[in-house]
Amino acid sequence: MTDILELCAALPVVATPAGDLLIEEGSRPDRLLVLVEGEVTIERDGTALARVDAPGAVFGEMSAVLDQPATATVRAATDVRVHVVDREVFATEIVSDATDYRYASREGGTIDLRAIDLDGDVASRCVALARDLALPFAGIDLRRTADGAWVCFEVNPSPGFSFYESQTGQPIAAAVARYLALGPTGD
């Protein structure tokens, strides 16, 4: 599959946020898509069939070539790390070709971290989760499923945040310092 990446090297790369539709089942895409990095889910009739993370994977080629409706939905899917400091939320989208992004560079893989804004409900739930666990500072690992739902798969009570801050510019250390100096905000 690397060969197709070489052929596409001069073409524009479009970053797509997690959960966004790339191809919708029943639509008539006018182009094919090549996965450069990250992960997508393949769905049919609202059911997730597969997750694909192979650079060079091609989607929509049959619909584009045959001018037929797409037989499946392709949706961007990535992991998100959320740091909660008191009531502040710092979310980082993680795109990596490694099984575990923490070891991507050591294993010759790639990793891209981007600051993102979570919708208000998800952010509020992260704050509530940290509060319910009596954690004024927490690292919450989320994944967005193929159907757009959020799943929490880990809460770190003592998260290392400097890596995320250095990659995204989010002021997590300042929020921790503010919390330590001023204490928790009121309910």
N, C-alpha and C. Protein backbone atom coordinates (compact mmCIF):
# COMPACT_ATOMS: atom_id res chain seq x y z
N MET A 1 0.81 -1.20 0.00
CA MET A 1 0.00 0.00 0.00
C MET A 1 0.85 1.25 0.00
N THR A 2 2.12 1.12 0.34
CA THR A 2 2.99 2.29 0.36
C THR A 2 3.12 2.91 -1.02
N ASP A 3 3.05 2.10 -2.07
CA ASP A 3 3.17 2.61 -3.43
C ASP A 3 2.14 3.69 -3.72
N ILE A 4 0.91 3.49 -3.28
CA ILE A 4 -0.12 4.49 -3.55
C ILE A 4 0.18 5.79 -2.81
N LEU A 5 0.80 5.70 -1.64
CA LEU A 5 1.18 6.91 -0.92
C LEU A 5 2.22 7.70 -1.69
N GLU A 6 3.14 7.00 -2.33
CA GLU A 6 4.14 7.68 -3.14
C GLU A 6 3.49 8.36 -4.34
N LEU A 7 2.51 7.70 -4.96
CA LEU A 7 1.81 8.29 -6.10
C LEU A 7 1.02 9.54 -5.69
N CYS A 8 0.54 9.55 -4.45
CA CYS A 8 -0.29 10.66 -3.96
C CYS A 8 0.49 11.75 -3.26
N ALA A 9 1.80 11.62 -3.18
CA ALA A 9 2.63 12.53 -2.38
C ALA A 9 2.44 14.00 -2.75
N ALA A 10 2.16 14.31 -3.98
CA ALA A 10 2.03 15.71 -4.39
C ALA A 10 0.61 16.24 -4.22
N LEU A 11 -0.33 15.38 -3.85
CA LEU A 11 -1.72 15.81 -3.69
C LEU A 11 -1.93 16.44 -2.31
N PRO A 12 -2.96 17.28 -2.17
CA PRO A 12 -3.21 17.90 -0.87
C PRO A 12 -3.68 16.86 0.15
N VAL A 13 -3.29 17.05 1.40
CA VAL A 13 -3.73 16.20 2.50
C VAL A 13 -4.75 16.99 3.30
N VAL A 14 -5.88 16.38 3.60
CA VAL A 14 -6.94 17.03 4.35
C VAL A 14 -7.07 16.34 5.70
N ALA A 15 -6.86 17.09 6.78
CA ALA A 15 -7.05 16.55 8.13
C ALA A 15 -8.54 16.56 8.45
N THR A 16 -9.03 15.47 8.99
CA THR A 16 -10.44 15.33 9.28
C THR A 16 -10.64 15.02 10.76
N PRO A 17 -11.45 15.80 11.47
CA PRO A 17 -11.67 15.53 12.89
C PRO A 17 -12.36 14.19 13.12
N ALA A 18 -12.08 13.60 14.25
CA ALA A 18 -12.71 12.32 14.62
C ALA A 18 -14.22 12.44 14.55
N GLY A 19 -14.85 11.41 14.01
CA GLY A 19 -16.30 11.37 13.92
C GLY A 19 -16.85 11.93 12.63
N ASP A 20 -16.06 12.70 11.89
CA ASP A 20 -16.55 13.29 10.64
C ASP A 20 -16.74 12.21 9.57
N LEU A 21 -17.78 12.38 8.78
CA LEU A 21 -18.03 11.47 7.66
C LEU A 21 -17.09 11.78 6.51
N LEU A 22 -16.48 10.75 5.97
CA LEU A 22 -15.66 10.90 4.77
C LEU A 22 -16.46 10.46 3.55
N ILE A 23 -17.18 9.35 3.71
CA ILE A 23 -18.08 8.86 2.66
C ILE A 23 -19.35 8.39 3.37
N GLU A 24 -20.50 8.78 2.85
CA GLU A 24 -21.76 8.35 3.45
C GLU A 24 -22.40 7.26 2.60
N GLU A 25 -22.82 6.21 3.27
CA GLU A 25 -23.49 5.10 2.59
C GLU A 25 -24.65 5.65 1.77
N GLY A 26 -24.77 5.22 0.52
CA GLY A 26 -25.83 5.67 -0.37
C GLY A 26 -25.50 6.91 -1.18
N SER A 27 -24.44 7.64 -0.77
CA SER A 27 -24.04 8.83 -1.53
C SER A 27 -23.27 8.40 -2.77
N ARG A 28 -23.02 9.33 -3.67
CA ARG A 28 -22.24 9.06 -4.87
C ARG A 28 -20.97 9.89 -4.82
N PRO A 29 -19.93 9.37 -4.16
CA PRO A 29 -18.67 10.13 -4.07
C PRO A 29 -18.08 10.36 -5.46
N ASP A 30 -17.50 11.54 -5.65
CA ASP A 30 -16.91 11.86 -6.94
C ASP A 30 -15.38 11.72 -6.91
N ARG A 31 -14.86 11.08 -5.87
CA ARG A 31 -13.42 10.90 -5.74
C ARG A 31 -13.15 9.69 -4.86
N LEU A 32 -11.95 9.21 -4.93
CA LEU A 32 -11.53 8.16 -4.01
C LEU A 32 -10.68 8.80 -2.94
N LEU A 33 -10.61 8.17 -1.79
CA LEU A 33 -9.84 8.68 -0.66
C LEU A 33 -8.72 7.71 -0.33
N VAL A 34 -7.57 8.26 0.02
CA VAL A 34 -6.41 7.45 0.42
C VAL A 34 -6.06 7.85 1.85
N LEU A 35 -6.01 6.87 2.73
CA LEU A 35 -5.66 7.13 4.13
C LEU A 35 -4.16 7.36 4.25
N VAL A 36 -3.76 8.53 4.74
CA VAL A 36 -2.35 8.84 4.92
C VAL A 36 -1.93 8.45 6.34
N GLU A 37 -2.73 8.84 7.32
CA GLU A 37 -2.47 8.46 8.71
C GLU A 37 -3.78 8.51 9.47
N GLY A 38 -3.80 7.90 10.63
CA GLY A 38 -5.00 7.89 11.45
C GLY A 38 -5.77 6.60 11.29
N GLU A 39 -7.04 6.68 11.56
CA GLU A 39 -7.88 5.50 11.57
C GLU A 39 -9.29 5.88 11.13
N VAL A 40 -9.93 5.00 10.39
CA VAL A 40 -11.32 5.20 9.99
C VAL A 40 -12.13 3.98 10.40
N THR A 41 -13.44 4.17 10.52
CA THR A 41 -14.34 3.05 10.73
C THR A 41 -15.18 2.88 9.47
N ILE A 42 -15.50 1.64 9.17
CA ILE A 42 -16.37 1.30 8.04
C ILE A 42 -17.68 0.83 8.64
N GLU A 43 -18.79 1.43 8.20
CA GLU A 43 -20.10 1.10 8.74
C GLU A 43 -21.07 0.78 7.60
N ARG A 44 -22.00 -0.10 7.89
CA ARG A 44 -23.10 -0.37 6.96
C ARG A 44 -24.38 -0.45 7.76
N ASP A 45 -25.38 0.27 7.32
CA ASP A 45 -26.68 0.33 8.02
C ASP A 45 -26.50 0.70 9.49
N GLY A 46 -25.55 1.59 9.78
CA GLY A 46 -25.33 2.05 11.14
C GLY A 46 -24.54 1.12 12.03
N THR A 47 -24.10 -0.01 11.50
CA THR A 47 -23.33 -0.98 12.28
C THR A 47 -21.86 -0.91 11.87
N ALA A 48 -20.99 -0.80 12.85
CA ALA A 48 -19.54 -0.77 12.57
C ALA A 48 -19.10 -2.14 12.10
N LEU A 49 -18.43 -2.19 10.95
CA LEU A 49 -17.93 -3.44 10.39
C LEU A 49 -16.44 -3.63 10.62
N ALA A 50 -15.69 -2.53 10.55
CA ALA A 50 -14.23 -2.64 10.65
C ALA A 50 -13.62 -1.29 11.00
N ARG A 51 -12.41 -1.36 11.53
CA ARG A 51 -11.58 -0.18 11.74
C ARG A 51 -10.34 -0.38 10.87
N VAL A 52 -9.96 0.63 10.12
CA VAL A 52 -8.82 0.53 9.22
C VAL A 52 -7.83 1.63 9.58
N ASP A 53 -6.55 1.23 9.76
CA ASP A 53 -5.52 2.21 10.08
C ASP A 53 -4.28 2.06 9.21
N ALA A 54 -4.40 1.34 8.12
CA ALA A 54 -3.26 1.09 7.24
C ALA A 54 -3.03 2.26 6.29
N PRO A 55 -1.89 2.96 6.42
CA PRO A 55 -1.60 4.03 5.47
C PRO A 55 -1.61 3.47 4.04
N GLY A 56 -2.28 4.18 3.15
CA GLY A 56 -2.39 3.72 1.77
C GLY A 56 -3.71 3.02 1.49
N ALA A 57 -4.53 2.75 2.52
CA ALA A 57 -5.84 2.13 2.30
C ALA A 57 -6.69 3.08 1.45
N VAL A 58 -7.44 2.53 0.51
CA VAL A 58 -8.23 3.32 -0.44
C VAL A 58 -9.71 3.09 -0.17
N PHE A 59 -10.49 4.17 -0.21
CA PHE A 59 -11.93 4.10 0.03
C PHE A 59 -12.67 4.85 -1.07
N GLY A 60 -13.83 4.35 -1.45
CA GLY A 60 -14.69 5.03 -2.41
C GLY A 60 -14.33 4.83 -3.86
N GLU A 61 -13.33 3.97 -4.12
CA GLU A 61 -12.87 3.82 -5.50
C GLU A 61 -13.93 3.19 -6.40
N MET A 62 -14.68 2.21 -5.89
CA MET A 62 -15.68 1.55 -6.74
C MET A 62 -16.83 2.52 -7.07
N SER A 63 -17.25 3.29 -6.09
CA SER A 63 -18.32 4.26 -6.34
C SER A 63 -17.88 5.32 -7.34
N ALA A 64 -16.65 5.80 -7.18
CA ALA A 64 -16.15 6.85 -8.08
C ALA A 64 -15.97 6.33 -9.49
N VAL A 65 -15.43 5.13 -9.63
CA VAL A 65 -15.15 4.57 -10.97
C VAL A 65 -16.44 4.13 -11.66
N LEU A 66 -17.33 3.47 -10.92
CA LEU A 66 -18.55 2.91 -11.51
C LEU A 66 -19.75 3.85 -11.43
N ASP A 67 -19.57 5.02 -10.80
CA ASP A 67 -20.67 5.96 -10.60
C ASP A 67 -21.85 5.27 -9.94
N GLN A 68 -21.56 4.54 -8.88
CA GLN A 68 -22.56 3.82 -8.10
C GLN A 68 -22.62 4.39 -6.69
N PRO A 69 -23.76 4.23 -6.01
CA PRO A 69 -23.83 4.69 -4.62
C PRO A 69 -22.84 3.93 -3.74
N ALA A 70 -22.31 4.60 -2.74
CA ALA A 70 -21.39 3.97 -1.80
C ALA A 70 -22.14 2.90 -1.01
N THR A 71 -21.50 1.76 -0.83
CA THR A 71 -22.14 0.65 -0.13
C THR A 71 -21.88 0.68 1.37
N ALA A 72 -21.05 1.61 1.84
CA ALA A 72 -20.75 1.71 3.26
C ALA A 72 -20.38 3.15 3.61
N THR A 73 -20.44 3.45 4.88
CA THR A 73 -20.02 4.75 5.40
C THR A 73 -18.59 4.63 5.90
N VAL A 74 -17.78 5.65 5.63
CA VAL A 74 -16.41 5.71 6.14
C VAL A 74 -16.34 6.95 7.03
N ARG A 75 -15.91 6.77 8.27
CA ARG A 75 -15.88 7.85 9.25
C ARG A 75 -14.50 7.93 9.91
N ALA A 76 -13.98 9.14 10.07
CA ALA A 76 -12.70 9.33 10.76
C ALA A 76 -12.85 8.91 12.22
N ALA A 77 -11.83 8.25 12.75
CA ALA A 77 -11.88 7.79 14.14
C ALA A 77 -10.49 7.91 14.75
N THR A 78 -10.40 8.57 15.88
CA THR A 78 -9.12 8.68 16.59
C THR A 78 -9.38 8.67 18.09
N ASP A 79 -8.31 8.58 18.83
CA ASP A 79 -8.39 8.65 20.29
C ASP A 79 -8.26 10.09 20.73
N VAL A 80 -8.76 10.36 21.93
CA VAL A 80 -8.69 11.70 22.50
C VAL A 80 -8.27 11.57 23.96
N ARG A 81 -7.28 12.35 24.37
CA ARG A 81 -6.89 12.45 25.78
C ARG A 81 -7.46 13.75 26.30
N VAL A 82 -8.17 13.69 27.42
CA VAL A 82 -8.76 14.87 28.04
C VAL A 82 -8.11 15.06 29.40
N HIS A 83 -7.50 16.23 29.60
CA HIS A 83 -6.98 16.57 30.92
C HIS A 83 -8.00 17.48 31.59
N VAL A 84 -8.40 17.11 32.80
CA VAL A 84 -9.33 17.92 33.59
C VAL A 84 -8.56 18.45 34.78
N VAL A 85 -8.57 19.77 34.93
CA VAL A 85 -7.98 20.42 36.10
C VAL A 85 -9.10 21.23 36.73
N ASP A 86 -9.60 20.74 37.87
CA ASP A 86 -10.74 21.35 38.54
C ASP A 86 -11.92 21.36 37.56
N ARG A 87 -12.27 22.50 36.98
CA ARG A 87 -13.37 22.56 36.01
C ARG A 87 -12.89 22.86 34.59
N GLU A 88 -11.58 22.95 34.41
CA GLU A 88 -11.03 23.24 33.08
C GLU A 88 -10.79 21.94 32.33
N VAL A 89 -11.06 21.97 31.03
CA VAL A 89 -10.91 20.79 30.17
C VAL A 89 -9.96 21.11 29.03
N PHE A 90 -8.96 20.23 28.84
CA PHE A 90 -7.99 20.37 27.75
C PHE A 90 -8.02 19.05 26.97
N ALA A 91 -8.58 19.08 25.78
CA ALA A 91 -8.72 17.86 24.98
C ALA A 91 -7.69 17.83 23.86
N THR A 92 -7.10 16.66 23.66
CA THR A 92 -6.09 16.46 22.61
C THR A 92 -6.47 15.28 21.76
N GLU A 93 -6.66 15.52 20.47
CA GLU A 93 -6.92 14.43 19.53
C GLU A 93 -5.58 13.78 19.18
N ILE A 94 -5.58 12.45 19.15
CA ILE A 94 -4.35 11.70 18.90
C ILE A 94 -4.53 10.88 17.63
N VAL A 95 -3.67 11.13 16.66
CA VAL A 95 -3.67 10.35 15.42
C VAL A 95 -2.32 9.66 15.33
N SER A 96 -2.35 8.33 15.28
CA SER A 96 -1.10 7.58 15.23
C SER A 96 -1.31 6.30 14.44
N ASP A 97 -0.26 5.85 13.78
CA ASP A 97 -0.33 4.57 13.08
C ASP A 97 0.13 3.42 13.98
N ALA A 98 0.49 3.73 15.22
CA ALA A 98 0.94 2.70 16.17
C ALA A 98 -0.25 2.13 16.94
N THR A 99 -0.11 0.91 17.39
CA THR A 99 -1.15 0.31 18.22
C THR A 99 -1.31 1.11 19.51
N ASP A 100 -0.20 1.52 20.11
CA ASP A 100 -0.21 2.36 21.30
C ASP A 100 0.61 3.61 20.98
N TYR A 101 -0.06 4.72 20.84
CA TYR A 101 0.60 5.95 20.41
C TYR A 101 1.75 6.36 21.31
N ARG A 102 1.74 5.95 22.57
CA ARG A 102 2.80 6.34 23.50
C ARG A 102 4.17 5.80 23.07
N TYR A 103 4.15 4.73 22.28
CA TYR A 103 5.41 4.11 21.85
C TYR A 103 5.64 4.25 20.35
N ALA A 104 4.90 5.13 19.71
CA ALA A 104 4.98 5.28 18.25
C ALA A 104 6.38 5.61 17.76
N SER A 105 7.02 6.60 18.34
CA SER A 105 8.33 7.00 17.83
C SER A 105 9.38 5.92 18.08
N ARG A 106 9.28 5.23 19.19
CA ARG A 106 10.23 4.17 19.50
C ARG A 106 10.09 3.00 18.52
N GLU A 107 8.86 2.79 18.01
CA GLU A 107 8.59 1.69 17.10
C GLU A 107 8.61 2.11 15.63
N GLY A 108 9.07 3.33 15.36
CA GLY A 108 9.16 3.81 13.98
C GLY A 108 7.84 4.30 13.42
N GLY A 109 6.86 4.52 14.28
CA GLY A 109 5.54 4.99 13.84
C GLY A 109 5.44 6.50 13.90
N THR A 110 4.27 6.98 13.57
CA THR A 110 4.02 8.42 13.59
C THR A 110 2.96 8.74 14.64
N ILE A 111 2.98 9.98 15.08
CA ILE A 111 1.98 10.47 16.03
C ILE A 111 1.76 11.94 15.76
N ASP A 112 0.51 12.35 15.82
CA ASP A 112 0.15 13.75 15.64
C ASP A 112 -0.86 14.10 16.72
N LEU A 113 -0.58 15.11 17.51
CA LEU A 113 -1.47 15.55 18.56
C LEU A 113 -1.99 16.93 18.22
N ARG A 114 -3.30 17.13 18.39
CA ARG A 114 -3.93 18.41 18.09
C ARG A 114 -4.89 18.78 19.20
N ALA A 115 -4.84 20.02 19.64
CA ALA A 115 -5.82 20.51 20.61
C ALA A 115 -7.18 20.58 19.91
N ILE A 116 -8.21 20.09 20.58
CA ILE A 116 -9.57 20.15 20.03
C ILE A 116 -10.52 20.65 21.11
N ASP A 117 -11.69 21.09 20.68
CA ASP A 117 -12.75 21.46 21.61
C ASP A 117 -13.78 20.33 21.63
N LEU A 118 -14.07 19.82 22.82
CA LEU A 118 -15.13 18.83 22.95
C LEU A 118 -16.46 19.56 23.02
N ASP A 119 -17.54 18.91 22.58
CA ASP A 119 -18.83 19.57 22.74
C ASP A 119 -19.13 19.67 24.23
N GLY A 120 -19.97 20.61 24.59
CA GLY A 120 -20.23 20.93 26.00
C GLY A 120 -20.64 19.75 26.85
N ASP A 121 -21.47 18.86 26.30
CA ASP A 121 -21.94 17.71 27.07
C ASP A 121 -20.79 16.76 27.41
N VAL A 122 -19.93 16.48 26.45
CA VAL A 122 -18.81 15.57 26.69
C VAL A 122 -17.84 16.20 27.68
N ALA A 123 -17.54 17.47 27.51
CA ALA A 123 -16.65 18.16 28.44
C ALA A 123 -17.23 18.15 29.85
N SER A 124 -18.51 18.42 29.99
CA SER A 124 -19.16 18.40 31.31
C SER A 124 -19.10 17.03 31.95
N ARG A 125 -19.28 16.00 31.14
CA ARG A 125 -19.21 14.63 31.67
C ARG A 125 -17.80 14.29 32.15
N CYS A 126 -16.79 14.80 31.45
CA CYS A 126 -15.41 14.57 31.89
C CYS A 126 -15.15 15.24 33.23
N VAL A 127 -15.62 16.48 33.39
CA VAL A 127 -15.47 17.19 34.66
C VAL A 127 -16.21 16.43 35.76
N ALA A 128 -17.44 15.98 35.48
CA ALA A 128 -18.22 15.25 36.48
C ALA A 128 -17.55 13.93 36.85
N LEU A 129 -16.98 13.24 35.88
CA LEU A 129 -16.29 11.98 36.15
C LEU A 129 -15.11 12.22 37.09
N ALA A 130 -14.30 13.22 36.79
CA ALA A 130 -13.16 13.53 37.65
C ALA A 130 -13.63 13.89 39.07
N ARG A 131 -14.68 14.70 39.16
CA ARG A 131 -15.22 15.08 40.48
C ARG A 131 -15.75 13.86 41.22
N ASP A 132 -16.50 12.99 40.53
CA ASP A 132 -17.05 11.79 41.17
C ASP A 132 -15.95 10.88 41.71
N LEU A 133 -14.79 10.90 41.06
CA LEU A 133 -13.65 10.09 41.50
C LEU A 133 -12.76 10.85 42.48
N ALA A 134 -13.20 12.05 42.88
CA ALA A 134 -12.44 12.91 43.79
C ALA A 134 -11.05 13.22 43.25
N LEU A 135 -10.97 13.47 41.95
CA LEU A 135 -9.70 13.78 41.30
C LEU A 135 -9.73 15.23 40.80
N PRO A 136 -9.04 16.14 41.47
CA PRO A 136 -9.01 17.51 40.95
C PRO A 136 -8.20 17.62 39.66
N PHE A 137 -7.38 16.61 39.38
CA PHE A 137 -6.58 16.58 38.16
C PHE A 137 -6.63 15.15 37.63
N ALA A 138 -7.05 14.98 36.38
CA ALA A 138 -7.19 13.64 35.81
C ALA A 138 -6.87 13.67 34.33
N GLY A 139 -6.38 12.55 33.82
CA GLY A 139 -6.19 12.35 32.39
C GLY A 139 -7.19 11.29 31.96
N ILE A 140 -8.14 11.65 31.14
CA ILE A 140 -9.21 10.75 30.73
C ILE A 140 -9.01 10.37 29.27
N ASP A 141 -8.93 9.08 29.00
CA ASP A 141 -8.74 8.59 27.63
C ASP A 141 -10.09 8.19 27.05
N LEU A 142 -10.44 8.82 25.93
CA LEU A 142 -11.71 8.58 25.26
C LEU A 142 -11.47 8.06 23.85
N ARG A 143 -12.46 7.38 23.34
CA ARG A 143 -12.47 7.01 21.93
C ARG A 143 -13.88 7.27 21.41
N ARG A 144 -13.95 7.84 20.23
CA ARG A 144 -15.24 8.06 19.59
C ARG A 144 -15.56 6.84 18.74
N THR A 145 -16.73 6.23 18.96
CA THR A 145 -17.10 5.03 18.22
C THR A 145 -17.61 5.38 16.84
N ALA A 146 -17.82 4.35 16.04
CA ALA A 146 -18.28 4.54 14.67
C ALA A 146 -19.63 5.26 14.61
N ASP A 147 -20.46 5.07 15.64
CA ASP A 147 -21.77 5.71 15.62
C ASP A 147 -21.77 7.08 16.31
N GLY A 148 -20.56 7.58 16.65
CA GLY A 148 -20.44 8.92 17.21
C GLY A 148 -20.51 8.98 18.72
N ALA A 149 -20.71 7.84 19.39
CA ALA A 149 -20.75 7.83 20.85
C ALA A 149 -19.33 7.90 21.42
N TRP A 150 -19.20 8.41 22.62
CA TRP A 150 -17.90 8.50 23.28
C TRP A 150 -17.79 7.39 24.31
N VAL A 151 -16.63 6.74 24.36
CA VAL A 151 -16.36 5.68 25.31
C VAL A 151 -15.11 6.06 26.10
N CYS A 152 -15.21 5.93 27.42
CA CYS A 152 -14.05 6.18 28.28
C CYS A 152 -13.38 4.85 28.54
N PHE A 153 -12.09 4.73 28.25
CA PHE A 153 -11.43 3.47 28.52
C PHE A 153 -10.35 3.57 29.58
N GLU A 154 -10.09 4.75 30.12
CA GLU A 154 -9.14 4.85 31.22
C GLU A 154 -9.22 6.24 31.84
N VAL A 155 -9.06 6.28 33.18
CA VAL A 155 -8.91 7.54 33.88
C VAL A 155 -7.61 7.45 34.65
N ASN A 156 -6.70 8.37 34.38
CA ASN A 156 -5.39 8.40 35.03
C ASN A 156 -5.45 9.40 36.19
N PRO A 157 -5.24 8.92 37.42
CA PRO A 157 -5.31 9.83 38.57
C PRO A 157 -4.08 10.73 38.74
N SER A 158 -3.01 10.40 38.05
CA SER A 158 -1.79 11.21 38.11
C SER A 158 -1.19 11.28 36.71
N PRO A 159 -1.89 11.98 35.81
CA PRO A 159 -1.48 11.96 34.41
C PRO A 159 -0.24 12.79 34.11
N GLY A 160 0.58 12.26 33.24
CA GLY A 160 1.69 13.04 32.69
C GLY A 160 1.11 13.95 31.62
N PHE A 161 1.20 15.23 31.80
CA PHE A 161 0.56 16.15 30.85
C PHE A 161 1.56 16.96 30.02
N SER A 162 2.83 16.97 30.40
CA SER A 162 3.78 17.86 29.73
C SER A 162 3.94 17.51 28.25
N PHE A 163 3.84 16.22 27.90
CA PHE A 163 3.95 15.82 26.49
C PHE A 163 2.81 16.44 25.68
N TYR A 164 1.60 16.36 26.19
CA TYR A 164 0.44 16.92 25.48
C TYR A 164 0.54 18.44 25.39
N GLU A 165 0.98 19.06 26.48
CA GLU A 165 1.13 20.51 26.49
C GLU A 165 2.19 20.96 25.48
N SER A 166 3.33 20.25 25.44
CA SER A 166 4.40 20.66 24.53
C SER A 166 4.00 20.47 23.07
N GLN A 167 3.16 19.51 22.79
CA GLN A 167 2.74 19.24 21.41
C GLN A 167 1.61 20.14 20.93
N THR A 168 0.77 20.62 21.88
CA THR A 168 -0.43 21.36 21.48
C THR A 168 -0.45 22.82 21.92
N GLY A 169 0.43 23.18 22.88
CA GLY A 169 0.43 24.54 23.39
C GLY A 169 -0.68 24.82 24.39
N GLN A 170 -1.42 23.82 24.81
CA GLN A 170 -2.48 24.02 25.79
C GLN A 170 -1.86 24.38 27.15
N PRO A 171 -2.43 25.33 27.88
CA PRO A 171 -1.84 25.78 29.15
C PRO A 171 -2.22 24.89 30.34
N ILE A 172 -1.89 23.63 30.27
CA ILE A 172 -2.28 22.70 31.33
C ILE A 172 -1.49 22.99 32.61
N ALA A 173 -0.18 23.22 32.50
CA ALA A 173 0.64 23.52 33.68
C ALA A 173 0.14 24.77 34.39
N ALA A 174 -0.26 25.77 33.64
CA ALA A 174 -0.78 27.01 34.24
C ALA A 174 -2.07 26.72 35.00
N ALA A 175 -2.91 25.85 34.46
CA ALA A 175 -4.15 25.49 35.15
C ALA A 175 -3.86 24.73 36.44
N VAL A 176 -2.86 23.84 36.41
CA VAL A 176 -2.47 23.11 37.62
C VAL A 176 -1.92 24.10 38.66
N ALA A 177 -1.06 25.02 38.23
CA ALA A 177 -0.50 26.02 39.15
C ALA A 177 -1.61 26.89 39.74
N ARG A 178 -2.56 27.29 38.93
CA ARG A 178 -3.69 28.11 39.39
C ARG A 178 -4.49 27.33 40.44
N TYR A 179 -4.74 26.06 40.17
CA TYR A 179 -5.49 25.23 41.11
C TYR A 179 -4.73 25.12 42.43
N LEU A 180 -3.41 24.87 42.36
CA LEU A 180 -2.60 24.72 43.58
C LEU A 180 -2.54 26.03 44.37
N ALA A 181 -2.49 27.15 43.68
CA ALA A 181 -2.40 28.46 44.35
C ALA A 181 -3.73 28.93 44.91
N LEU A 182 -4.81 28.69 44.16
CA LEU A 182 -6.11 29.27 44.54
C LEU A 182 -7.12 28.27 45.07
N GLY A 183 -6.85 26.99 44.86
CA GLY A 183 -7.80 25.96 45.31
C GLY A 183 -8.92 25.77 44.30
N PRO A 184 -9.85 24.90 44.63
CA PRO A 184 -10.93 24.58 43.68
C PRO A 184 -11.89 25.76 43.49
N THR A 185 -12.48 25.80 42.31
CA THR A 185 -13.49 26.83 42.05
C THR A 185 -14.78 26.39 42.71
N GLY A 186 -15.67 27.32 42.95
CA GLY A 186 -16.94 27.01 43.61
C GLY A 186 -17.86 26.21 42.72
N ASP A 187 -18.79 25.55 43.37
CA ASP A 187 -19.79 24.77 42.61
C ASP A 187 -20.82 25.71 42.13
